[in-house]
N, C-alpha and C. Protein backbone atom coordinates (compact mmCIF):
# COMPACT_ATOMS: atom_id res chain seq x y z
N UNK A 1 0.84 -1.17 0.00
CA UNK A 1 0.00 0.00 0.00
C UNK A 1 0.89 1.24 0.00
N UNK A 2 0.49 2.21 -0.74
CA UNK A 2 1.27 3.44 -0.80
C UNK A 2 1.16 4.19 0.52
N UNK A 3 2.13 5.04 0.77
CA UNK A 3 2.18 5.82 2.01
C UNK A 3 0.91 6.65 2.20
N UNK A 4 0.41 7.25 1.15
CA UNK A 4 -0.80 8.09 1.26
C UNK A 4 -2.00 7.27 1.72
N UNK A 5 -2.09 6.01 1.27
CA UNK A 5 -3.19 5.15 1.70
C UNK A 5 -3.08 4.83 3.19
N UNK A 6 -1.86 4.56 3.66
CA UNK A 6 -1.65 4.30 5.09
C UNK A 6 -2.01 5.53 5.92
N UNK A 7 -1.59 6.69 5.47
CA UNK A 7 -1.90 7.91 6.20
C UNK A 7 -3.40 8.17 6.26
N UNK A 8 -4.10 7.93 5.16
CA UNK A 8 -5.54 8.10 5.15
C UNK A 8 -6.23 7.09 6.07
N UNK A 9 -5.72 5.86 6.09
CA UNK A 9 -6.27 4.84 6.97
C UNK A 9 -6.06 5.20 8.44
N UNK A 10 -4.89 5.69 8.76
CA UNK A 10 -4.60 6.13 10.14
C UNK A 10 -5.50 7.30 10.51
N UNK A 11 -5.65 8.26 9.62
CA UNK A 11 -6.52 9.41 9.88
C UNK A 11 -7.97 8.97 10.09
N UNK A 12 -8.45 8.07 9.28
CA UNK A 12 -9.80 7.54 9.44
C UNK A 12 -9.96 6.86 10.80
N UNK A 13 -8.98 6.07 11.18
CA UNK A 13 -9.01 5.41 12.49
C UNK A 13 -9.05 6.41 13.63
N UNK A 14 -8.26 7.48 13.54
CA UNK A 14 -8.27 8.51 14.58
C UNK A 14 -9.60 9.24 14.63
N UNK A 15 -10.21 9.48 13.49
CA UNK A 15 -11.52 10.13 13.46
C UNK A 15 -12.56 9.25 14.13
N UNK A 16 -12.52 7.96 13.86
CA UNK A 16 -13.46 7.02 14.49
C UNK A 16 -13.24 6.99 16.00
N UNK A 17 -11.98 6.96 16.44
CA UNK A 17 -11.69 6.99 17.87
C UNK A 17 -12.16 8.30 18.50
N UNK A 18 -12.00 9.40 17.78
CA UNK A 18 -12.45 10.70 18.29
C UNK A 18 -13.97 10.70 18.46
N UNK A 19 -14.68 10.15 17.50
CA UNK A 19 -16.14 10.10 17.59
C UNK A 19 -16.60 9.20 18.73
N UNK A 20 -15.81 8.19 19.06
CA UNK A 20 -16.16 7.30 20.16
C UNK A 20 -15.71 7.86 21.50
N UNK A 21 -15.10 9.03 21.50
CA UNK A 21 -14.66 9.74 22.70
C UNK A 21 -13.52 9.03 23.44
N UNK A 22 -12.74 8.22 22.73
CA UNK A 22 -11.54 7.61 23.32
C UNK A 22 -10.32 8.48 23.06
N UNK A 23 -10.38 9.22 21.97
CA UNK A 23 -9.29 10.09 21.54
C UNK A 23 -9.83 11.50 21.41
N UNK A 24 -9.05 12.48 21.87
CA UNK A 24 -9.42 13.89 21.75
C UNK A 24 -8.35 14.62 20.96
N UNK A 25 -8.79 15.39 20.01
CA UNK A 25 -7.89 16.25 19.25
C UNK A 25 -7.98 17.64 19.86
N UNK A 26 -6.87 18.14 20.33
CA UNK A 26 -6.86 19.52 20.83
C UNK A 26 -6.26 20.41 19.76
N UNK A 27 -7.14 21.03 19.01
CA UNK A 27 -6.69 22.02 18.02
C UNK A 27 -7.42 23.34 18.24
N UNK A 28 -8.17 23.42 19.35
CA UNK A 28 -8.97 24.61 19.61
C UNK A 28 -8.50 25.40 20.83
N UNK A 29 -8.35 24.73 21.96
CA UNK A 29 -8.02 25.45 23.18
C UNK A 29 -6.52 25.70 23.27
N UNK A 30 -6.18 26.88 23.78
CA UNK A 30 -4.77 27.22 23.97
C UNK A 30 -4.28 26.83 25.36
N UNK A 31 -5.17 26.23 26.16
CA UNK A 31 -4.81 25.87 27.53
C UNK A 31 -3.87 24.69 27.62
N UNK A 32 -3.88 23.85 26.59
CA UNK A 32 -2.98 22.70 26.51
C UNK A 32 -2.28 22.75 25.17
N UNK A 33 -1.14 22.09 25.07
CA UNK A 33 -0.49 22.01 23.75
C UNK A 33 -1.42 21.36 22.73
N UNK A 34 -1.38 21.85 21.50
CA UNK A 34 -2.14 21.21 20.43
C UNK A 34 -1.64 19.79 20.26
N UNK A 35 -2.56 18.85 20.03
CA UNK A 35 -2.13 17.48 19.84
C UNK A 35 -3.27 16.50 19.91
N UNK A 36 -2.89 15.23 20.02
CA UNK A 36 -3.84 14.13 20.13
C UNK A 36 -3.66 13.53 21.52
N UNK A 37 -4.79 13.39 22.22
CA UNK A 37 -4.79 12.90 23.60
C UNK A 37 -5.70 11.68 23.71
N UNK A 38 -5.31 10.73 24.55
CA UNK A 38 -6.15 9.57 24.83
C UNK A 38 -6.87 9.78 26.16
N UNK A 39 -8.14 9.39 26.20
CA UNK A 39 -8.90 9.42 27.44
C UNK A 39 -8.44 8.23 28.27
N UNK A 40 -8.06 8.47 29.53
CA UNK A 40 -7.59 7.38 30.37
C UNK A 40 -8.38 7.33 31.68
N UNK A 41 -8.43 6.15 32.26
CA UNK A 41 -9.05 5.97 33.57
C UNK A 41 -7.92 5.74 34.56
N UNK A 42 -7.80 6.67 35.48
CA UNK A 42 -6.74 6.60 36.47
C UNK A 42 -7.09 7.55 37.60
N UNK A 43 -6.45 7.39 38.74
CA UNK A 43 -6.64 8.35 39.81
C UNK A 43 -5.90 9.64 39.45
N UNK A 44 -6.56 10.79 39.57
CA UNK A 44 -5.90 12.05 39.22
C UNK A 44 -4.66 12.31 40.06
N UNK A 45 -3.62 12.79 39.39
CA UNK A 45 -2.37 13.16 40.04
C UNK A 45 -2.01 14.59 39.63
N UNK A 46 -1.22 15.25 40.45
CA UNK A 46 -0.77 16.59 40.13
C UNK A 46 -0.06 16.59 38.77
N UNK A 47 -0.35 17.59 37.95
CA UNK A 47 0.21 17.80 36.62
C UNK A 47 -0.38 16.89 35.54
N UNK A 48 -1.39 16.06 35.89
CA UNK A 48 -2.12 15.33 34.86
C UNK A 48 -2.96 16.32 34.06
N UNK A 49 -3.20 16.00 32.81
CA UNK A 49 -4.16 16.76 32.01
C UNK A 49 -5.55 16.22 32.35
N UNK A 50 -6.48 17.14 32.58
CA UNK A 50 -7.82 16.73 32.99
C UNK A 50 -8.89 17.46 32.19
N UNK A 51 -10.06 16.84 32.12
CA UNK A 51 -11.22 17.43 31.45
C UNK A 51 -12.35 17.54 32.46
N UNK A 52 -13.09 18.64 32.36
CA UNK A 52 -14.23 18.83 33.24
C UNK A 52 -15.30 19.65 32.54
N UNK A 53 -16.52 19.49 33.01
CA UNK A 53 -17.63 20.36 32.62
C UNK A 53 -17.82 21.36 33.76
N UNK A 54 -18.12 22.58 33.43
CA UNK A 54 -18.29 23.62 34.43
C UNK A 54 -19.75 23.70 34.89
N UNK A 55 -19.96 24.35 36.02
CA UNK A 55 -21.33 24.53 36.53
C UNK A 55 -22.13 25.40 35.55
N UNK A 56 -23.45 25.34 35.61
CA UNK A 56 -24.27 26.12 34.67
C UNK A 56 -23.96 27.62 34.66
N UNK A 57 -23.81 28.24 35.84
CA UNK A 57 -23.56 29.69 35.85
C UNK A 57 -22.19 30.04 35.26
N UNK A 58 -21.19 29.25 35.56
CA UNK A 58 -19.86 29.51 35.01
C UNK A 58 -19.84 29.22 33.52
N UNK A 59 -20.47 28.13 33.11
CA UNK A 59 -20.54 27.79 31.68
C UNK A 59 -21.27 28.87 30.90
N UNK A 60 -22.37 29.39 31.44
CA UNK A 60 -23.12 30.44 30.75
C UNK A 60 -22.26 31.69 30.59
N UNK A 61 -21.52 32.05 31.62
CA UNK A 61 -20.60 33.19 31.56
C UNK A 61 -19.56 32.95 30.47
N UNK A 62 -19.02 31.73 30.42
CA UNK A 62 -18.03 31.38 29.40
C UNK A 62 -18.58 31.45 27.98
N UNK A 63 -19.83 31.03 27.79
CA UNK A 63 -20.45 31.11 26.47
C UNK A 63 -20.67 32.57 26.08
N UNK A 64 -21.21 33.35 27.03
CA UNK A 64 -21.48 34.77 26.76
C UNK A 64 -20.22 35.52 26.37
N UNK A 65 -19.10 35.17 27.01
CA UNK A 65 -17.82 35.84 26.75
C UNK A 65 -17.04 35.23 25.59
N UNK A 66 -17.56 34.17 24.98
CA UNK A 66 -16.86 33.42 23.93
C UNK A 66 -15.58 32.76 24.42
N UNK A 67 -15.53 32.41 25.71
CA UNK A 67 -14.42 31.63 26.24
C UNK A 67 -14.66 30.15 25.95
N UNK A 68 -15.93 29.75 25.82
CA UNK A 68 -16.31 28.36 25.61
C UNK A 68 -17.16 28.24 24.35
N UNK A 69 -17.00 27.12 23.70
CA UNK A 69 -17.83 26.81 22.53
C UNK A 69 -18.97 25.88 22.97
N UNK A 70 -19.95 25.72 22.11
CA UNK A 70 -21.02 24.78 22.38
C UNK A 70 -20.48 23.36 22.29
N UNK A 71 -21.00 22.47 23.14
CA UNK A 71 -20.49 21.11 23.15
C UNK A 71 -21.38 20.14 23.89
N UNK A 72 -20.79 19.05 24.36
CA UNK A 72 -21.53 17.90 24.89
C UNK A 72 -21.79 17.91 26.40
N UNK A 73 -21.27 18.88 27.14
CA UNK A 73 -21.56 18.92 28.58
C UNK A 73 -23.04 19.19 28.79
N UNK A 74 -23.55 18.83 29.95
CA UNK A 74 -24.96 19.08 30.28
C UNK A 74 -25.31 20.56 30.17
N UNK A 75 -24.33 21.42 30.37
CA UNK A 75 -24.54 22.87 30.27
C UNK A 75 -24.54 23.35 28.84
N UNK A 76 -24.24 22.45 27.90
CA UNK A 76 -24.23 22.83 26.48
C UNK A 76 -22.89 23.32 25.97
N UNK A 77 -21.85 23.24 26.82
CA UNK A 77 -20.52 23.70 26.40
C UNK A 77 -19.58 22.52 26.16
N UNK A 78 -18.43 22.84 25.62
CA UNK A 78 -17.37 21.84 25.47
C UNK A 78 -16.75 21.56 26.83
N UNK A 79 -16.08 20.45 26.93
CA UNK A 79 -15.28 20.15 28.11
C UNK A 79 -14.15 21.17 28.20
N UNK A 80 -13.76 21.50 29.41
CA UNK A 80 -12.62 22.38 29.64
C UNK A 80 -11.42 21.49 29.91
N UNK A 81 -10.31 21.75 29.22
CA UNK A 81 -9.10 20.94 29.34
C UNK A 81 -8.01 21.78 30.00
N UNK A 82 -7.50 21.30 31.13
CA UNK A 82 -6.47 22.02 31.88
C UNK A 82 -5.56 21.00 32.56
N UNK A 83 -4.59 21.52 33.28
CA UNK A 83 -3.67 20.68 34.04
C UNK A 83 -4.03 20.74 35.52
N UNK A 84 -3.97 19.61 36.20
CA UNK A 84 -4.26 19.57 37.64
C UNK A 84 -3.08 20.17 38.39
N UNK A 85 -3.35 21.24 39.13
CA UNK A 85 -2.32 21.86 39.97
C UNK A 85 -2.67 21.76 41.45
N UNK A 86 -3.96 21.73 41.79
CA UNK A 86 -4.38 21.62 43.17
C UNK A 86 -5.11 20.31 43.39
N UNK A 87 -4.71 19.58 44.44
CA UNK A 87 -5.26 18.26 44.76
C UNK A 87 -6.01 18.31 46.08
N UNK A 88 -6.92 17.35 46.31
CA UNK A 88 -7.59 17.30 47.61
C UNK A 88 -6.56 17.31 48.75
N UNK A 89 -6.83 18.14 49.75
CA UNK A 89 -5.91 18.29 50.88
C UNK A 89 -4.96 19.46 50.74
N UNK A 90 -4.83 20.02 49.54
CA UNK A 90 -3.96 21.18 49.33
C UNK A 90 -4.59 22.44 49.91
N UNK A 91 -3.75 23.32 50.42
CA UNK A 91 -4.18 24.63 50.93
C UNK A 91 -4.19 25.63 49.79
N UNK A 92 -5.22 26.49 49.76
CA UNK A 92 -5.28 27.53 48.74
C UNK A 92 -5.92 28.78 49.33
N UNK A 93 -5.65 29.92 48.69
CA UNK A 93 -6.26 31.19 49.10
C UNK A 93 -6.24 32.15 47.93
N UNK A 94 -7.26 32.99 47.86
CA UNK A 94 -7.31 34.07 46.88
C UNK A 94 -7.06 35.36 47.65
N UNK A 95 -5.97 36.05 47.30
CA UNK A 95 -5.67 37.32 47.97
C UNK A 95 -4.74 38.16 47.10
N UNK A 96 -4.97 39.47 47.16
CA UNK A 96 -4.13 40.43 46.44
C UNK A 96 -3.95 40.08 44.96
N UNK A 97 -5.03 39.68 44.30
CA UNK A 97 -5.02 39.34 42.88
C UNK A 97 -4.15 38.14 42.53
N UNK A 98 -4.01 37.22 43.47
CA UNK A 98 -3.27 35.98 43.24
C UNK A 98 -4.02 34.82 43.85
N UNK A 99 -3.90 33.67 43.20
CA UNK A 99 -4.32 32.41 43.79
C UNK A 99 -3.05 31.82 44.38
N UNK A 100 -3.04 31.66 45.69
CA UNK A 100 -1.90 31.06 46.38
C UNK A 100 -2.21 29.58 46.57
N UNK A 101 -1.30 28.73 46.10
CA UNK A 101 -1.52 27.29 46.15
C UNK A 101 -0.20 26.59 46.43
N UNK A 102 -0.09 26.01 47.61
CA UNK A 102 1.10 25.24 47.98
C UNK A 102 2.40 26.00 47.75
N UNK A 103 2.42 27.27 48.13
CA UNK A 103 3.63 28.07 48.00
C UNK A 103 3.85 28.67 46.62
N UNK A 104 2.95 28.42 45.68
CA UNK A 104 3.03 29.00 44.34
C UNK A 104 1.95 30.06 44.20
N UNK A 105 2.27 31.12 43.45
CA UNK A 105 1.32 32.20 43.21
C UNK A 105 0.94 32.23 41.74
N UNK A 106 -0.36 32.28 41.48
CA UNK A 106 -0.88 32.36 40.11
C UNK A 106 -1.66 33.66 39.99
N UNK A 107 -1.22 34.54 39.11
CA UNK A 107 -1.81 35.87 38.95
C UNK A 107 -3.25 35.77 38.47
N UNK A 108 -4.11 36.55 39.10
CA UNK A 108 -5.50 36.68 38.68
C UNK A 108 -5.61 38.02 37.97
N UNK A 109 -5.95 37.97 36.71
CA UNK A 109 -6.05 39.18 35.90
C UNK A 109 -7.38 39.88 36.20
N UNK A 110 -7.38 41.21 36.16
CA UNK A 110 -8.60 41.97 36.38
C UNK A 110 -9.48 42.06 35.15
N UNK A 111 -8.84 41.99 33.97
CA UNK A 111 -9.59 42.09 32.71
C UNK A 111 -9.10 41.01 31.76
N UNK A 112 -9.96 40.64 30.81
CA UNK A 112 -9.56 39.65 29.81
C UNK A 112 -8.83 40.33 28.66
N UNK A 113 -8.48 39.57 27.64
CA UNK A 113 -7.69 40.10 26.52
C UNK A 113 -8.48 41.13 25.70
N UNK A 114 -9.79 41.20 25.90
CA UNK A 114 -10.62 42.20 25.22
C UNK A 114 -10.87 43.42 26.10
N UNK A 115 -10.25 43.45 27.28
CA UNK A 115 -10.40 44.58 28.19
C UNK A 115 -11.66 44.54 29.05
N UNK A 116 -12.36 43.41 29.06
CA UNK A 116 -13.58 43.28 29.86
C UNK A 116 -13.24 42.79 31.26
N UNK A 117 -13.94 43.33 32.25
CA UNK A 117 -13.76 42.93 33.64
C UNK A 117 -14.00 41.43 33.79
N UNK A 118 -13.11 40.74 34.49
CA UNK A 118 -13.26 39.30 34.72
C UNK A 118 -13.95 39.04 36.05
N UNK A 119 -14.87 38.11 36.04
CA UNK A 119 -15.59 37.73 37.25
C UNK A 119 -14.88 36.56 37.92
N UNK A 120 -14.75 36.66 39.23
CA UNK A 120 -14.22 35.55 40.03
C UNK A 120 -15.42 34.93 40.74
N UNK A 121 -15.62 33.63 40.54
CA UNK A 121 -16.80 32.95 41.05
C UNK A 121 -16.65 32.46 42.49
N UNK A 122 -15.50 32.69 43.09
CA UNK A 122 -15.32 32.31 44.48
C UNK A 122 -14.26 33.22 45.09
N UNK A 123 -14.40 33.49 46.35
CA UNK A 123 -13.42 34.27 47.11
C UNK A 123 -13.27 33.55 48.44
N UNK A 124 -12.30 32.70 48.49
CA UNK A 124 -12.18 31.92 49.70
C UNK A 124 -10.76 31.43 49.91
N UNK A 125 -10.56 30.87 51.04
CA UNK A 125 -9.31 30.19 51.37
C UNK A 125 -9.71 28.89 52.06
N UNK A 126 -8.87 27.92 51.96
CA UNK A 126 -9.18 26.67 52.64
C UNK A 126 -8.36 25.52 52.15
N UNK A 127 -8.93 24.35 52.34
CA UNK A 127 -8.30 23.10 51.94
C UNK A 127 -9.23 22.45 50.92
N UNK A 128 -8.67 21.98 49.82
CA UNK A 128 -9.49 21.34 48.78
C UNK A 128 -10.11 20.06 49.32
N UNK A 129 -11.42 19.96 49.14
CA UNK A 129 -12.17 18.78 49.58
C UNK A 129 -11.87 17.57 48.70
N UNK A 130 -12.23 16.41 49.20
CA UNK A 130 -12.09 15.16 48.43
C UNK A 130 -12.86 15.31 47.12
N UNK A 131 -12.24 14.94 46.02
CA UNK A 131 -12.88 15.00 44.71
C UNK A 131 -12.85 16.38 44.06
N UNK A 132 -12.21 17.35 44.69
CA UNK A 132 -12.13 18.71 44.13
C UNK A 132 -10.68 19.05 43.78
N UNK A 133 -10.53 19.72 42.65
CA UNK A 133 -9.20 20.02 42.10
C UNK A 133 -9.16 21.46 41.61
N UNK A 134 -7.97 22.02 41.57
CA UNK A 134 -7.77 23.30 40.92
C UNK A 134 -7.09 23.01 39.59
N UNK A 135 -7.75 23.37 38.51
CA UNK A 135 -7.25 23.12 37.16
C UNK A 135 -6.73 24.43 36.59
N UNK A 136 -5.46 24.45 36.23
CA UNK A 136 -4.81 25.66 35.73
C UNK A 136 -4.07 25.34 34.44
N UNK A 137 -3.82 26.38 33.69
CA UNK A 137 -2.98 26.21 32.50
C UNK A 137 -1.63 26.84 32.78
N UNK A 138 -0.58 26.05 32.71
CA UNK A 138 0.76 26.63 32.79
C UNK A 138 1.31 26.83 31.38
N UNK A 139 0.46 26.55 30.40
CA UNK A 139 0.83 26.70 28.99
C UNK A 139 0.51 28.11 28.50
N UNK A 140 -0.57 28.70 29.03
CA UNK A 140 -0.98 30.06 28.70
C UNK A 140 -1.18 30.82 30.00
N UNK A 141 -0.46 31.92 30.18
CA UNK A 141 -0.49 32.64 31.45
C UNK A 141 -1.83 33.28 31.77
N UNK A 142 -2.58 33.72 30.76
CA UNK A 142 -3.85 34.40 31.03
C UNK A 142 -5.05 33.49 30.77
N UNK A 143 -4.90 32.22 31.05
CA UNK A 143 -5.96 31.25 30.82
C UNK A 143 -7.14 31.50 31.77
N UNK A 144 -8.34 31.25 31.28
CA UNK A 144 -9.55 31.31 32.11
C UNK A 144 -9.68 29.93 32.75
N UNK A 145 -9.33 29.84 34.03
CA UNK A 145 -9.22 28.54 34.70
C UNK A 145 -9.68 28.63 36.14
N UNK A 146 -9.23 27.72 37.00
CA UNK A 146 -9.68 27.68 38.39
C UNK A 146 -9.33 28.92 39.18
N UNK A 147 -8.45 29.77 38.66
CA UNK A 147 -8.22 31.05 39.33
C UNK A 147 -9.52 31.85 39.38
N UNK A 148 -10.40 31.61 38.43
CA UNK A 148 -11.66 32.34 38.32
C UNK A 148 -12.87 31.52 38.75
N UNK A 149 -12.87 30.19 38.47
CA UNK A 149 -14.05 29.39 38.80
C UNK A 149 -13.94 28.66 40.12
N UNK A 150 -12.73 28.47 40.65
CA UNK A 150 -12.58 27.75 41.90
C UNK A 150 -12.41 26.26 41.70
N UNK A 151 -12.55 25.49 42.79
CA UNK A 151 -12.37 24.04 42.71
C UNK A 151 -13.46 23.37 41.87
N UNK A 152 -13.06 22.34 41.14
CA UNK A 152 -13.99 21.59 40.28
C UNK A 152 -13.71 20.09 40.42
N UNK A 153 -14.65 19.29 39.96
CA UNK A 153 -14.42 17.86 39.87
C UNK A 153 -13.76 17.56 38.52
N UNK A 154 -13.26 16.36 38.37
CA UNK A 154 -12.61 15.95 37.13
C UNK A 154 -13.47 14.87 36.48
N UNK A 155 -13.82 15.08 35.22
CA UNK A 155 -14.61 14.09 34.47
C UNK A 155 -13.73 12.90 34.09
N UNK A 156 -12.55 13.19 33.51
CA UNK A 156 -11.61 12.15 33.13
C UNK A 156 -10.25 12.78 32.87
N UNK A 157 -9.24 11.95 32.72
CA UNK A 157 -7.88 12.39 32.47
C UNK A 157 -7.51 12.18 31.01
N UNK A 158 -6.53 12.93 30.55
CA UNK A 158 -6.04 12.84 29.18
C UNK A 158 -4.55 12.59 29.19
N UNK A 159 -4.12 11.69 28.32
CA UNK A 159 -2.69 11.41 28.18
C UNK A 159 -2.28 11.85 26.78
N UNK A 160 -1.25 12.70 26.68
CA UNK A 160 -0.80 13.11 25.35
C UNK A 160 -0.23 11.94 24.56
N UNK A 161 -0.70 11.78 23.33
CA UNK A 161 -0.16 10.77 22.43
C UNK A 161 0.79 11.40 21.43
N UNK A 162 0.42 12.61 20.98
CA UNK A 162 1.24 13.29 19.98
C UNK A 162 0.98 14.78 20.11
N UNK A 163 2.02 15.52 20.42
CA UNK A 163 1.93 16.97 20.57
C UNK A 163 2.45 17.64 19.31
N UNK A 164 1.67 18.60 18.79
CA UNK A 164 2.07 19.36 17.60
C UNK A 164 2.89 20.56 18.04
N UNK A 165 3.97 20.81 17.35
CA UNK A 165 4.76 22.01 17.61
C UNK A 165 4.04 23.19 17.01
N UNK A 166 4.06 24.33 17.72
CA UNK A 166 3.41 25.54 17.19
C UNK A 166 4.46 26.44 16.61
C-alpha cells in the first residue's frame, strides 16, 4: 500500500476513535499544547491533564464571553481541558489578585484580553475537599481557569499521544 493510503487509513481510524470519545484532538483550546490525547481511567495526580464540565452559571458566563464553545456537557458547552495543579488536601487562598496554592502564586487578571472585567466565582481560602481540584494552564499565562471558577471535579484524564509544535 502506498504511504498516502496508510496515512488516510490512520486518519480515518483517529476520526473514528475521536467520535467514540476515546481520543481527543486539541486544536482549539490554547490551555494545553495542540495534539492528540487519549482518554484514560486513572486516579488524578498533580500535573495530569484533565477534562471537566463547568457549573451552569460559570458555563453560561463562558459562552457569553466566547471563552467556551457549544459542546456535549450538560450545560451545552465543550469540556474544559487544563492541568491539575491543586489536589484534595492542598491549601489555597485568593488574595491580592493571586491564587496562592502550595507556596506557588498564580496571577488573577482583572480584565480579559478584550479589556472586559473578569468575574471571580469564588473568594475563599481553605483546603481542597475530596474530589475537588484546581485546574490551571501553565501553557498560557492568562488562561480562564480555576483562578476564576474555583475548585472543580474531574470528568476524566487525558494522556498526550502526539503533541504538535506551534
